[in-house]
Protein backbone atom coordinates (compact mmCIF):
# COMPACT_ATOMS: atom_id res chain seq x y z
CA MET A 1 0.01 0.07 0.04
CA GLY A 2 2.68 2.22 0.61
CA ASP A 3 3.62 4.84 3.41
CA MET A 4 1.30 6.51 5.49
CA TRP A 5 0.60 10.12 4.47
CA THR A 6 0.56 11.83 7.73
CA ASP A 7 1.88 15.12 6.36
CA LEU A 8 -1.67 15.19 4.74
CA VAL A 9 -3.78 14.35 7.74
CA GLU A 10 -3.25 12.01 10.70
CA PRO A 11 -5.28 8.62 10.46
CA VAL A 12 -6.68 9.13 13.99
CA GLU A 13 -8.22 12.62 12.72
CA LEU A 14 -9.28 11.21 9.26
CA THR A 15 -10.80 8.31 11.05
CA GLY A 16 -12.63 10.97 13.63
CA TYR A 17 -14.04 12.50 10.52
CA ALA A 18 -15.31 9.49 8.95
CA ARG A 19 -17.07 8.27 12.06
CA ALA A 20 -18.89 11.80 12.34
CA ARG A 21 -19.88 11.55 8.59
CA LEU A 22 -21.26 7.99 9.14
CA GLU A 23 -23.75 9.68 11.78
CA ASP A 24 -24.45 12.52 9.73
CA TYR A 25 -25.25 10.14 6.69
CA GLU A 26 -27.31 7.87 8.78
CA ARG A 27 -29.51 10.77 9.92
CA SER A 28 -29.62 12.49 6.59
CA GLN A 29 -30.99 9.48 4.30
CA ASN A 30 -34.26 8.52 3.87
CA GLY A 31 -34.32 6.80 7.04
CA SER A 32 -32.07 4.20 8.80
CA LEU A 33 -32.76 1.00 10.01
CA SER A 34 -30.09 1.51 12.53
CA ALA A 35 -33.22 3.22 14.63
CA TYR A 36 -34.16 -0.62 14.87
CA LEU A 37 -31.14 -2.51 14.72
CA PRO A 38 -28.82 0.19 16.38
CA ASN A 39 -24.94 0.33 16.23
CA GLU A 40 -23.02 -1.70 18.94
CA PHE A 41 -18.89 -1.37 19.09
CA LEU A 42 -17.22 -4.32 20.01
CA ASN A 43 -13.48 -4.83 20.63
CA ASP A 44 -13.44 -8.12 18.80
CA ILE A 45 -14.44 -9.50 15.51
CA VAL A 46 -16.96 -12.07 17.41
CA ALA A 47 -20.43 -11.04 18.38
CA ARG A 48 -22.04 -12.69 21.00
CA PHE A 49 -25.90 -12.31 21.98
CA THR A 50 -28.88 -14.33 22.67
CA VAL A 51 -31.61 -15.32 19.79
CA GLY A 52 -35.12 -15.76 21.30
CA GLY A 53 -36.26 -14.89 25.04
CA ALA A 54 -39.02 -12.71 23.98
CA GLY A 55 -42.78 -13.76 24.43
CA LEU A 56 -44.29 -14.58 28.00
CA GLN A 57 -42.21 -15.73 30.76
CA PRO A 58 -43.46 -18.75 32.44
CA VAL A 59 -45.53 -17.81 35.60
CA ALA A 60 -43.86 -18.23 39.06
CA GLU A 61 -44.99 -21.62 40.85
CA TYR A 62 -46.40 -21.61 44.43
CA LEU A 63 -44.32 -24.06 46.52
CA ALA A 64 -44.26 -25.36 50.10
CA TYR A 65 -42.49 -23.61 52.76
CA ASP A 66 -38.73 -25.15 53.21
CA ALA A 67 -38.81 -26.43 49.50
CA GLU A 68 -36.07 -25.76 47.20
CA THR A 69 -37.13 -22.65 44.48
CA PRO A 70 -37.62 -23.87 40.87
CA LEU A 71 -35.46 -22.40 38.22
CA ALA A 72 -36.84 -20.13 35.73
CA SER A 73 -35.85 -19.78 32.03
CA LEU A 74 -36.86 -17.88 28.91
CA PRO A 75 -38.71 -20.13 26.52
CA GLY A 76 -36.62 -20.69 23.53
CA SER A 77 -33.45 -18.87 24.28
CA GLN A 78 -30.36 -19.50 23.23
CA ARG A 79 -26.55 -18.26 23.18
CA VAL A 80 -25.25 -17.29 19.61
CA THR A 81 -21.72 -16.80 18.64
CA ILE A 82 -20.95 -15.04 15.03
CA GLU A 83 -17.78 -14.01 13.33
CA LEU A 84 -17.87 -10.40 12.01
CA PRO A 85 -16.92 -10.15 8.36
CA LYS A 86 -14.56 -7.21 7.21
CA LEU A 87 -15.72 -4.72 4.44
CA GLY A 88 -14.11 -1.67 3.02
CA LEU A 89 -12.94 0.04 0.19
CA LYS A 90 -9.80 2.45 -1.18
CA MET A 91 -10.12 5.29 -3.40
CA ARG A 92 -7.51 7.00 -5.14
CA ILE A 93 -7.06 10.89 -5.28
CA SER A 94 -6.43 11.68 -8.73
CA GLU A 95 -3.17 12.79 -10.17
CA TYR A 96 -4.63 15.60 -11.80
CA GLU A 97 -5.75 17.03 -8.38
CA GLN A 98 -2.26 16.45 -6.88
CA LEU A 99 -0.63 18.37 -9.58
CA ARG A 100 -3.24 21.28 -9.19
CA ALA A 101 -2.66 21.18 -5.46
CA ARG A 102 0.96 22.02 -5.66
CA GLY A 103 2.40 25.14 -4.34
CA ASN A 104 1.53 27.23 -1.17
CA LEU A 105 -2.14 25.68 -0.72
CA SER A 106 -1.08 21.85 -1.72
CA ASN A 107 -2.29 20.70 1.95
CA VAL A 108 -5.29 22.79 2.01
CA LEU A 109 -6.46 21.42 -1.41
CA LEU A 110 -5.49 17.94 -0.84
CA ARG A 111 -7.05 17.61 2.59
CA THR A 112 -10.43 18.83 0.93
CA SER A 113 -9.93 16.31 -1.40
CA ALA A 114 -9.13 13.64 1.17
CA GLU A 115 -12.21 14.29 3.05
CA LYS A 116 -14.47 14.10 0.18
CA VAL A 117 -13.27 10.88 -0.67
CA THR A 118 -13.74 9.65 2.81
CA GLU A 119 -17.18 10.67 2.75
CA ARG A 120 -17.75 8.35 -0.31
CA LEU A 121 -16.18 5.46 1.51
CA VAL A 122 -18.31 5.88 4.45
CA ASP A 123 -21.28 6.51 2.65
CA ALA A 124 -20.38 2.89 0.66
CA ILE A 125 -20.04 1.24 3.89
CA SER A 126 -23.04 2.77 5.41
CA ASP A 127 -25.02 1.57 2.29
CA ARG A 128 -23.70 -2.05 2.34
CA LEU A 129 -24.41 -2.42 6.20
CA GLU A 130 -27.87 -0.67 5.63
CA TYR A 131 -28.66 -3.29 2.94
CA GLU A 132 -27.59 -6.19 5.58
CA ARG A 133 -30.08 -4.54 8.12
CA GLY A 134 -32.98 -4.55 5.50
CA TYR A 135 -32.26 -8.29 4.21
CA ALA A 136 -32.18 -9.21 8.11
CA LEU A 137 -35.39 -7.62 8.70
CA GLU A 138 -37.43 -8.65 5.30
CA ASN A 139 -36.05 -12.32 5.40
CA ALA A 140 -34.72 -13.11 9.20
CA SER A 141 -31.95 -14.60 7.78
CA LEU A 142 -28.26 -13.82 6.54
CA LEU A 143 -27.11 -14.45 3.06
CA ILE A 144 -23.59 -13.07 1.92
CA ASP A 145 -22.68 -15.41 -1.32
CA ASP A 146 -21.11 -13.30 -3.68
CA GLU A 147 -18.38 -11.43 -2.15
CA THR A 148 -14.43 -11.75 -2.89
CA GLY A 149 -13.84 -15.04 -1.32
CA PHE A 150 -16.45 -14.39 1.41
CA LYS A 151 -19.70 -16.44 2.28
CA GLN A 152 -21.85 -16.30 5.14
CA THR A 153 -25.47 -17.76 5.95
CA GLY A 154 -27.61 -17.85 8.65
CA ASP A 155 -31.24 -17.98 10.10
CA TRP A 156 -32.30 -15.64 12.93
CA GLY A 157 -35.55 -17.96 13.66
CA ARG A 158 -38.33 -15.99 13.04
CA ALA A 159 -41.60 -17.67 13.48
CA ALA A 160 -43.99 -18.80 10.50
CA GLU A 161 -46.94 -16.84 11.77
CA HIS A 162 -44.86 -13.90 11.65
CA GLU A 163 -44.71 -13.68 7.86
CA ILE A 164 -48.08 -13.15 6.88
CA ASP A 165 -49.50 -12.86 3.06
CA ALA A 166 -52.61 -10.41 3.00
CA SER A 167 -53.82 -12.45 0.07
CA ALA A 168 -53.74 -15.72 1.59
CA GLY A 169 -57.14 -17.68 1.75
CA SER A 170 -59.81 -15.51 1.07
CA GLY A 171 -57.98 -12.25 1.16
CA GLU A 172 -56.72 -9.84 -1.26
CA PHE A 173 -53.87 -7.49 -1.57
CA TRP A 174 -54.43 -3.93 -1.04
CA ASP A 175 -54.55 -2.75 -4.59
CA ALA A 176 -57.15 -5.33 -5.43
CA ALA A 177 -60.40 -3.83 -7.01
CA SER A 178 -62.44 -5.16 -4.28
CA GLY A 179 -62.44 -7.17 -1.16
CA ALA A 180 -59.10 -6.06 0.74
CA ASP A 181 -59.64 -4.75 4.28
CA PRO A 182 -56.20 -3.03 5.20
CA ILE A 183 -57.55 -2.02 8.88
CA GLU A 184 -58.69 -5.98 9.27
CA ASP A 185 -55.28 -7.22 8.15
CA LEU A 186 -53.47 -4.47 10.36
CA LEU A 187 -55.36 -5.69 13.17
CA ALA A 188 -54.75 -9.18 12.49
CA ALA A 189 -51.19 -8.82 12.41
CA GLN A 190 -51.05 -6.91 15.58
CA GLU A 191 -53.25 -9.66 17.27
CA GLN A 192 -50.47 -12.07 16.21
CA TYR A 193 -47.57 -10.06 17.39
CA ILE A 194 -49.52 -9.60 20.84
CA ALA A 195 -49.91 -13.31 20.89
CA THR A 196 -46.53 -14.21 20.30
CA ASN A 197 -44.67 -11.52 22.63
CA GLY A 198 -47.33 -10.27 25.17
CA PHE A 199 -47.42 -6.90 23.91
CA GLY A 200 -48.02 -4.95 20.65
CA PRO A 201 -45.80 -3.29 18.13
CA GLY A 202 -44.34 -0.12 18.88
CA SER A 203 -43.88 1.19 15.07
CA MET A 204 -45.27 0.12 11.75
CA LEU A 205 -42.57 0.67 8.66
CA THR A 206 -43.66 0.76 5.05
CA SER A 207 -42.84 2.35 1.79
CA THR A 208 -44.35 5.42 0.20
CA ARG A 209 -46.04 2.92 -2.42
CA VAL A 210 -47.89 0.86 0.47
CA TYR A 211 -48.85 4.31 1.83
CA SER A 212 -50.25 5.73 -1.19
CA VAL A 213 -52.34 2.55 -2.08
CA LEU A 214 -53.50 2.99 1.59
CA GLN A 215 -54.56 6.66 1.30
CA ARG A 216 -56.61 5.75 -2.14
CA HIS A 217 -58.00 2.70 -0.46
CA ALA A 218 -61.75 2.78 -0.76
CA SER A 219 -62.46 1.34 2.92
CA LEU A 220 -60.42 4.47 4.48
CA ARG A 221 -61.99 7.13 2.21
CA VAL A 222 -65.46 5.68 3.30
CA LEU A 223 -64.13 5.86 7.14
CA VAL A 224 -63.08 9.32 6.66
CA SER A 225 -65.96 10.60 4.82
CA SER A 226 -68.19 13.52 5.70
CA LEU A 227 -71.40 14.77 4.75
CA ALA A 228 -69.55 16.28 1.60
CA GLY A 229 -68.81 12.57 0.52
CA ALA A 230 -65.63 10.59 0.65
CA PRO A 231 -62.42 12.30 -0.71
CA SER A 232 -60.38 10.81 -3.58
CA ILE A 233 -57.28 10.73 -1.61
CA VAL A 234 -57.07 10.62 2.06
CA THR A 235 -54.68 12.67 3.91
CA ARG A 236 -51.57 11.55 5.94
CA GLU A 237 -52.98 13.46 8.71
CA ALA A 238 -56.44 11.62 8.57
CA VAL A 239 -54.53 7.91 7.92
CA ASN A 240 -52.54 8.53 11.00
CA SER A 241 -55.51 9.29 12.80
CA LEU A 242 -57.45 6.52 11.81
CA LEU A 243 -55.03 3.95 12.53
CA ALA A 244 -54.15 5.42 15.80
CA SER A 245 -58.35 5.29 16.51
CA TYR A 246 -58.04 1.59 15.98
CA GLY A 247 -55.09 1.30 18.35
CA LEU A 248 -52.60 0.53 15.71
CA PRO A 249 -48.83 2.04 16.26
CA PRO A 250 -47.65 4.97 13.95
CA VAL A 251 -46.41 4.53 10.43
CA VAL A 252 -42.91 5.18 9.48
CA LEU A 253 -42.29 5.59 5.98
CA TYR A 254 -38.96 4.02 4.46
CA ASP A 255 -38.16 4.10 0.81
CA ARG A 256 -33.96 3.95 1.13
CA GLN A 257 -32.10 2.54 -1.87
CA VAL A 258 -28.52 1.67 -2.66
CA ASN A 259 -26.31 1.02 -5.67
CA TRP A 260 -25.60 -2.31 -5.85
CA ARG A 261 -22.69 -2.60 -8.46
CA GLY A 262 -24.41 -0.26 -10.72
CA THR A 263 -27.90 -1.39 -10.18
CA VAL A 264 -30.23 0.49 -7.89
CA ARG A 265 -31.83 -1.65 -5.27
CA LYS A 266 -34.26 -1.11 -2.61
CA VAL A 267 -33.38 -1.68 0.99
CA LEU A 268 -36.66 -3.38 1.69
CA SER A 269 -39.07 -4.54 -0.68
CA PRO A 270 -41.74 -2.04 -0.90
CA GLU A 271 -44.78 -4.55 -1.18
CA PHE A 272 -44.47 -5.06 2.87
CA VAL A 273 -45.44 -3.69 6.22
CA TYR A 274 -43.04 -4.47 9.03
CA MET A 275 -44.55 -4.58 12.54
CA LEU A 276 -41.44 -3.75 14.96
CA PRO A 277 -40.57 -2.23 18.19
CA ALA A 278 -40.37 1.54 18.39
CA PRO A 279 -37.20 3.06 17.28
CA GLY A 280 -34.48 1.78 19.76
CA GLY A 281 -35.25 -1.83 19.10
CA SER A 282 -35.76 -3.08 22.30
CA VAL A 283 -38.81 -3.75 24.72
CA GLY A 284 -38.18 -4.76 28.22
CA GLY A 285 -34.36 -5.57 27.92
CA VAL A 286 -35.32 -7.92 25.09
CA SER A 287 -33.69 -6.47 21.94
CA LEU A 288 -35.04 -7.12 18.26
CA GLY A 289 -31.33 -6.98 17.27
CA ALA A 290 -28.24 -4.71 16.64
CA THR A 291 -25.54 -3.60 13.95
CA TYR A 292 -22.28 -4.93 15.53
CA TRP A 293 -18.92 -3.17 14.63
CA GLY A 294 -15.68 -4.93 15.36
CA THR A 295 -12.16 -3.97 15.73
CA THR A 296 -10.36 -3.97 12.50
CA LEU A 297 -6.39 -4.91 12.53
CA GLU A 298 -5.49 -1.42 11.25
CA ALA A 299 -6.90 0.16 14.39
CA GLY A 300 -4.36 -1.55 16.24
CA GLU A 301 -1.36 -0.48 14.39
CA PRO A 302 0.91 2.03 15.79
CA GLU A 303 0.73 4.41 13.01
CA TYR A 304 -2.89 4.96 13.16
CA GLY A 305 -2.63 6.23 17.00
CA ILE A 306 -6.05 5.24 17.63
CA GLY A 307 -6.60 4.75 21.47
CA GLU A 308 -7.80 1.25 22.67
CA LEU A 309 -11.50 2.55 23.65
CA ASP A 310 -11.80 4.08 20.21
CA ARG A 311 -10.77 1.18 18.08
CA PRO A 312 -14.08 -0.44 17.28
CA GLY A 313 -15.82 0.90 14.13
CA ILE A 314 -14.44 2.42 10.58
CA VAL A 315 -10.73 3.27 10.41
CA VAL A 316 -9.45 5.42 7.29
CA GLY A 317 -6.06 6.53 6.82
CA ALA A 318 -4.34 8.36 3.66
CA TRP A 319 -1.61 6.58 2.24
CA LYS A 320 1.10 7.19 -0.88
CA THR A 321 2.80 4.89 -3.10
CA ARG A 322 6.41 6.09 -4.97
CA ASP A 323 6.04 4.06 -8.35
CA PRO A 324 4.11 5.48 -9.54
CA ILE A 325 3.30 8.49 -7.51
CA ALA A 326 -0.31 8.04 -6.12
CA ALA A 327 -2.43 8.82 -3.18
CA TRP A 328 -4.97 6.94 -1.70
CA ILE A 329 -7.51 7.02 1.13
CA HIS A 330 -8.11 3.39 2.45
CA SER A 331 -11.26 2.50 4.70
CA SER A 332 -11.57 -0.50 6.57
CA ALA A 333 -14.43 -1.93 9.10
CA ILE A 334 -15.73 -5.08 10.54
CA GLY A 335 -19.46 -5.13 10.86
CA LEU A 336 -22.84 -7.18 10.37
CA ALA A 337 -26.55 -6.46 11.56
CA ALA A 338 -28.02 -9.47 13.26
CA LEU A 339 -31.56 -10.33 14.77
CA GLY A 340 -31.32 -11.01 18.55
CA ASP A 341 -35.40 -11.71 18.82
CA ALA A 342 -36.79 -12.12 15.23
CA ASN A 343 -40.18 -12.44 16.53
CA LEU A 344 -40.14 -8.79 17.52
CA SER A 345 -40.56 -7.96 13.99
CA LEU A 346 -43.72 -9.20 11.40
CA ARG A 347 -43.71 -8.93 8.02
CA LEU A 348 -47.14 -8.37 6.33
CA GLN A 349 -47.23 -8.51 2.43
CA VAL A 350 -49.87 -6.25 1.21
CA LEU A 351 -49.13 -5.97 -2.42
CA ALA A 352 -48.25 -8.24 -5.00
CA GLU A 353 -44.27 -8.65 -5.82
CA GLY A 354 -43.32 -6.17 -8.34
CA SER A 355 -46.71 -4.19 -8.27
């Protein structure tokens, strides 16, 4: 890779800039699933957590005085250990930029270029982890099988009852000409969520496409009709108020997409409604899951100058080679999204695939 280019910027400073960029980027995008699978930083490359354990705790037993107290246990919980994969990118500061930066303003111009490149690298890492968060929520599983020499699969164990098709049986998808009843579908899904967990979801996550269908649905138009008649489209305020009147949680719109090697992909397929805990991702100490960030080898190298407590997370440094003369910004991270209790999520398909 060459030599660390500390004359331009110290790696500990560039790393700090990168981590601040990650926080800003996740806030500024069209929603981030880190609200439900929050970032956790580990001084390791292995994540250990409990899968399962939500649901209803078995009741306490009465016992005779002087009898031994029975041992309590959470139903279906198990301890899981997963190895966190490495990801990262590097990008060159062009020869043209380096030539233009010669002179008194060289470091100022090149530092600006380095920061812009760093932003692009951080955004790419953030997008990839966001995609993995989406895959975990939509499929309750892990599938990485097309990377450079890396494969990893897993199943987070969501109950089949938590993957519902609104068109099953005598039902209809919400964009059908007649027969669909979105409120009934949502109430039935919420009842299943409560039956499994003992409490209801804190939020519903869906796409603008689904929400637009909901706003135009005949059954909702009738429910909010007045003496003037039914509106052609129900306002968002009216939809939210109507859902709340039925005891349903608030709707969060999510439409984020990523560039997957030249092809735009939705992070979450837009045909679903997801019932989830409120943002934060945990209820009563039981967590839906997390995005685990490990500690890279680069973070412990002396030339990076990163303190031990600050090593987990993205690490970025500037490098320079001599033959040919080239400047590089190199980013590295270790991370993966995982579901702790997949049954704190419920997936309801309300539109046909690709509709």
